[in-house]
């Protein structure tokens, strides 16, 4: 399970009561929870998240203990009014929102630039996303991955116009999904909403509430994830 920063990793770990031990890898440290998931604070941004997740996946495969599921977990911005502060979002599509090119006609995703390769969306298994949402009371929709956090109403509107099903944005999901796809491992993304997507207002952020929602959500998600990973 990959998070961006240690605070998110620790919020997830609180949902699992077992002791934790660390395993240092090149470029990453995996926290192994007895009777629970392996946790990785993969770093901020899609590139570092992809590199750290790939390191953990490769090490597990070389050990003969490959992972059966990768979960990207964390807090993020929510698109009002569909994803209010403190709510939980489960991605049924993980989309790179700014991977492409700006043109005179507007933004073009990399899949429409004529290169014949590339992707901008990874889709978690539908049955897993549905079961995770049902267990945790989360909303399902697109979670956008951005390299620059949205800070204006105009950008929020542009993103929602291009991605009408978007519920949240984060900075790591697509990178984690790329690493998982390279290893042929299914992926899921779960976000607790800490702030609205739009004008940047730190006073309006509710990080503590979002981290608490993440812990509570994973307490409910644990049986779903365990049954999926051992199926």
Protein backbone atom coordinates (compact mmCIF):
# COMPACT_ATOMS: atom_id res chain seq x y z
CA UNK A 1 0.00 0.00 0.00
CA UNK A 2 1.51 3.31 -1.09
CA UNK A 3 0.94 6.72 0.50
CA UNK A 4 2.63 10.02 -0.31
CA UNK A 5 3.96 11.01 3.11
CA UNK A 6 4.51 9.38 6.53
CA UNK A 7 1.44 11.07 8.06
CA UNK A 8 -0.81 9.31 5.55
CA UNK A 9 1.05 6.03 6.04
CA UNK A 10 0.59 6.30 9.80
CA UNK A 11 -3.12 7.09 9.41
CA UNK A 12 -3.58 3.86 7.45
CA UNK A 13 -1.43 1.90 9.91
CA UNK A 14 -3.75 2.93 12.78
CA UNK A 15 -6.46 0.79 11.20
CA UNK A 16 -4.33 -2.33 11.72
CA UNK A 17 -3.35 -3.27 15.30
CA UNK A 18 -0.30 -5.45 14.61
CA UNK A 19 3.32 -4.45 15.32
CA UNK A 20 5.30 -2.83 12.52
CA UNK A 21 8.81 -3.62 11.31
CA UNK A 22 10.81 -1.78 8.69
CA UNK A 23 12.55 -3.12 5.61
CA UNK A 24 14.96 -0.79 3.84
CA UNK A 25 15.10 -1.03 0.05
CA UNK A 26 17.06 1.01 -2.49
CA UNK A 27 15.14 4.26 -2.56
CA UNK A 28 12.29 3.11 -0.31
CA UNK A 29 11.42 1.85 3.18
CA UNK A 30 8.58 -0.64 3.53
CA UNK A 31 6.74 -0.83 6.87
CA UNK A 32 5.38 -4.33 7.37
CA UNK A 33 2.35 -4.59 9.65
CA UNK A 34 1.90 -7.98 11.29
CA UNK A 35 -1.43 -9.33 10.13
CA UNK A 36 -1.91 -6.32 7.85
CA UNK A 37 -0.55 -4.68 4.70
CA UNK A 38 2.93 -3.56 3.78
CA UNK A 39 3.00 0.25 3.87
CA UNK A 40 5.17 2.57 1.83
CA UNK A 41 5.45 6.36 2.06
CA UNK A 42 6.27 6.68 -1.62
CA UNK A 43 6.87 10.44 -1.78
CA UNK A 44 5.10 13.40 -3.33
CA UNK A 45 4.37 13.53 -7.06
CA UNK A 46 3.75 10.88 -9.71
CA UNK A 47 7.41 10.31 -10.66
CA UNK A 48 8.71 9.61 -7.14
CA UNK A 49 5.59 7.61 -6.29
CA UNK A 50 6.13 5.43 -9.37
CA UNK A 51 9.82 4.90 -8.63
CA UNK A 52 9.27 4.01 -4.97
CA UNK A 53 6.35 1.71 -5.72
CA UNK A 54 8.33 -0.03 -8.46
CA UNK A 55 11.19 -0.61 -6.01
CA UNK A 56 8.85 -2.27 -3.51
CA UNK A 57 7.13 -4.37 -6.20
CA UNK A 58 10.44 -5.51 -7.66
CA UNK A 59 11.87 -6.46 -4.26
CA UNK A 60 8.78 -8.50 -3.43
CA UNK A 61 8.86 -10.28 -6.78
CA UNK A 62 12.56 -11.12 -6.38
CA UNK A 63 11.81 -12.49 -2.91
CA UNK A 64 9.25 -14.84 -4.43
CA UNK A 65 6.45 -13.04 -2.56
CA UNK A 66 4.86 -10.82 -5.21
CA UNK A 67 2.07 -8.52 -4.18
CA UNK A 68 -1.46 -9.29 -5.35
CA UNK A 69 -2.77 -5.75 -5.01
CA UNK A 70 -1.42 -2.20 -4.75
CA UNK A 71 -3.46 0.50 -3.01
CA UNK A 72 -2.63 4.19 -3.30
CA UNK A 73 -4.02 5.84 -0.17
CA UNK A 74 -3.95 9.42 1.01
CA UNK A 75 -5.69 12.73 1.37
CA UNK A 76 -6.49 15.08 -1.48
CA UNK A 77 -8.70 17.79 -2.88
CA UNK A 78 -12.37 17.14 -3.53
CA UNK A 79 -14.57 18.63 -6.23
CA UNK A 80 -17.53 20.36 -4.59
CA UNK A 81 -20.29 19.58 -4.01
CA UNK A 82 -19.83 15.89 -4.87
CA UNK A 83 -16.85 15.21 -2.60
CA UNK A 84 -17.14 17.40 0.52
CA UNK A 85 -14.51 17.81 3.24
CA UNK A 86 -13.99 14.64 5.26
CA UNK A 87 -15.60 12.35 2.70
CA UNK A 88 -13.91 9.29 1.22
CA UNK A 89 -13.46 8.67 -2.51
CA UNK A 90 -12.63 5.35 -4.20
CA UNK A 91 -11.35 5.66 -7.76
CA UNK A 92 -12.96 3.69 -10.53
CA UNK A 93 -10.56 5.52 -12.89
CA UNK A 94 -7.10 6.91 -12.09
CA UNK A 95 -6.31 9.61 -14.63
CA UNK A 96 -3.26 11.77 -15.33
CA UNK A 97 -4.92 15.16 -15.75
CA UNK A 98 -1.97 17.12 -17.14
CA UNK A 99 -0.03 14.55 -19.18
CA UNK A 100 -0.18 15.91 -22.72
CA UNK A 101 0.17 19.25 -24.50
CA UNK A 102 -1.42 22.66 -24.50
CA UNK A 103 -2.58 23.73 -27.96
CA UNK A 104 -4.37 26.72 -29.44
CA UNK A 105 -7.55 24.64 -29.29
CA UNK A 106 -6.98 23.61 -25.68
CA UNK A 107 -5.38 20.74 -23.80
CA UNK A 108 -4.70 17.43 -25.57
CA UNK A 109 -3.92 14.27 -23.57
CA UNK A 110 -0.86 12.29 -24.61
CA UNK A 111 -3.10 9.64 -26.17
CA UNK A 112 -4.30 12.19 -28.75
CA UNK A 113 -0.90 13.54 -29.84
CA UNK A 114 -0.40 10.99 -32.59
CA UNK A 115 2.51 9.11 -31.04
CA UNK A 116 0.66 5.82 -31.01
CA UNK A 117 1.58 4.99 -27.43
CA UNK A 118 1.00 6.11 -23.87
CA UNK A 119 -1.96 6.06 -21.54
CA UNK A 120 -3.65 8.56 -19.28
CA UNK A 121 -6.03 6.31 -17.34
CA UNK A 122 -5.74 3.13 -15.31
CA UNK A 123 -8.90 1.41 -14.15
CA UNK A 124 -9.06 -0.55 -10.89
CA UNK A 125 -11.01 -3.80 -11.03
CA UNK A 126 -14.66 -2.73 -11.06
CA UNK A 127 -15.76 -5.34 -8.53
CA UNK A 128 -13.01 -4.28 -6.11
CA UNK A 129 -13.83 -0.56 -6.40
CA UNK A 130 -17.53 -1.27 -5.86
CA UNK A 131 -16.88 -3.51 -2.85
CA UNK A 132 -14.45 -1.00 -1.32
CA UNK A 133 -16.92 1.85 -1.74
CA UNK A 134 -19.78 -0.17 -0.29
CA UNK A 135 -17.76 -1.22 2.75
CA UNK A 136 -16.42 2.24 3.54
CA UNK A 137 -19.34 4.41 2.48
CA UNK A 138 -17.15 6.10 -0.11
CA UNK A 139 -18.18 7.73 -3.35
CA UNK A 140 -16.79 6.28 -6.59
CA UNK A 141 -15.54 8.27 -9.55
CA UNK A 142 -12.43 9.51 -11.30
CA UNK A 143 -9.46 10.57 -9.19
CA UNK A 144 -7.16 12.92 -11.09
CA UNK A 145 -3.39 12.92 -10.70
CA UNK A 146 -1.80 16.33 -11.09
CA UNK A 147 1.79 17.52 -10.89
CA UNK A 148 0.62 20.99 -9.83
CA UNK A 149 -2.12 21.26 -7.21
CA UNK A 150 -5.12 23.23 -8.42
CA UNK A 151 -5.23 26.70 -6.87
CA UNK A 152 -7.76 28.68 -8.91
CA UNK A 153 -11.44 28.43 -9.74
CA UNK A 154 -10.63 28.62 -13.46
CA UNK A 155 -8.38 25.55 -13.36
CA UNK A 156 -10.89 23.64 -11.25
CA UNK A 157 -13.58 24.40 -13.81
CA UNK A 158 -11.31 23.39 -16.69
CA UNK A 159 -10.46 20.07 -15.04
CA UNK A 160 -14.09 19.31 -14.32
CA UNK A 161 -15.05 20.19 -17.90
CA UNK A 162 -12.47 17.74 -19.26
CA UNK A 163 -13.25 15.10 -16.63
CA UNK A 164 -16.96 15.36 -15.70
CA UNK A 165 -16.76 12.31 -13.41
CA UNK A 166 -13.82 13.66 -11.39
CA UNK A 167 -14.39 13.61 -7.64
CA UNK A 168 -10.90 14.28 -6.32
CA UNK A 169 -7.34 15.16 -7.22
CA UNK A 170 -4.04 13.95 -5.78
CA UNK A 171 -0.42 13.84 -6.87
CA UNK A 172 0.53 10.16 -6.77
CA UNK A 173 -2.19 7.81 -7.99
CA UNK A 174 -1.24 7.62 -11.66
CA UNK A 175 2.43 7.04 -10.82
CA UNK A 176 1.54 4.22 -8.44
CA UNK A 177 -0.79 2.76 -11.07
CA UNK A 178 1.93 2.88 -13.74
CA UNK A 179 4.28 0.89 -11.51
CA UNK A 180 1.56 -1.62 -10.66
CA UNK A 181 0.65 -2.04 -14.33
CA UNK A 182 4.29 -2.71 -15.24
CA UNK A 183 4.20 -5.62 -12.76
CA UNK A 184 0.77 -6.82 -13.84
CA UNK A 185 -0.70 -6.09 -10.40
CA UNK A 186 -4.18 -4.55 -9.95
CA UNK A 187 -4.38 -1.13 -8.30
CA UNK A 188 -6.87 0.81 -6.22
CA UNK A 189 -6.83 4.45 -5.11
CA UNK A 190 -8.55 5.78 -1.99
CA UNK A 191 -8.61 9.48 -1.05
CA UNK A 192 -9.98 11.28 1.99
CA UNK A 193 -10.91 14.86 1.14
CA UNK A 194 -8.95 17.48 3.07
CA UNK A 195 -9.70 20.58 0.98
CA UNK A 196 -11.85 21.74 -1.91
CA UNK A 197 -10.35 21.79 -5.40
CA UNK A 198 -10.21 25.47 -6.36
CA UNK A 199 -8.83 28.72 -4.95
CA UNK A 200 -5.95 27.96 -2.60
CA UNK A 201 -7.01 28.65 0.99
CA UNK A 202 -4.91 26.92 3.63
CA UNK A 203 -7.28 28.08 6.36
CA UNK A 204 -10.02 25.96 4.81
CA UNK A 205 -7.98 22.74 4.81
CA UNK A 206 -9.02 20.01 7.25
CA UNK A 207 -6.02 17.69 7.15
CA UNK A 208 -6.61 16.22 10.61
CA UNK A 209 -10.22 15.38 9.77
CA UNK A 210 -9.16 13.81 6.47
CA UNK A 211 -6.48 11.66 8.13
CA UNK A 212 -9.06 10.50 10.69
CA UNK A 213 -11.46 9.64 7.87
CA UNK A 214 -8.67 7.69 6.16
CA UNK A 215 -8.05 5.64 9.32
CA UNK A 216 -11.76 4.97 9.80
CA UNK A 217 -12.21 4.07 6.16
CA UNK A 218 -9.41 1.54 6.17
CA UNK A 219 -10.78 -0.07 9.30
CA UNK A 220 -13.86 -0.88 7.22
CA UNK A 221 -11.90 -1.68 4.06
CA UNK A 222 -9.53 -4.21 5.61
CA UNK A 223 -11.72 -7.31 5.09
CA UNK A 224 -12.40 -6.34 1.46
CA UNK A 225 -8.71 -5.84 0.69
CA UNK A 226 -7.66 -9.02 2.49
CA UNK A 227 -10.21 -11.18 0.69
CA UNK A 228 -9.23 -9.67 -2.68
CA UNK A 229 -5.50 -10.14 -2.08
CA UNK A 230 -5.90 -13.80 -1.08
CA UNK A 231 -8.49 -14.75 -3.71
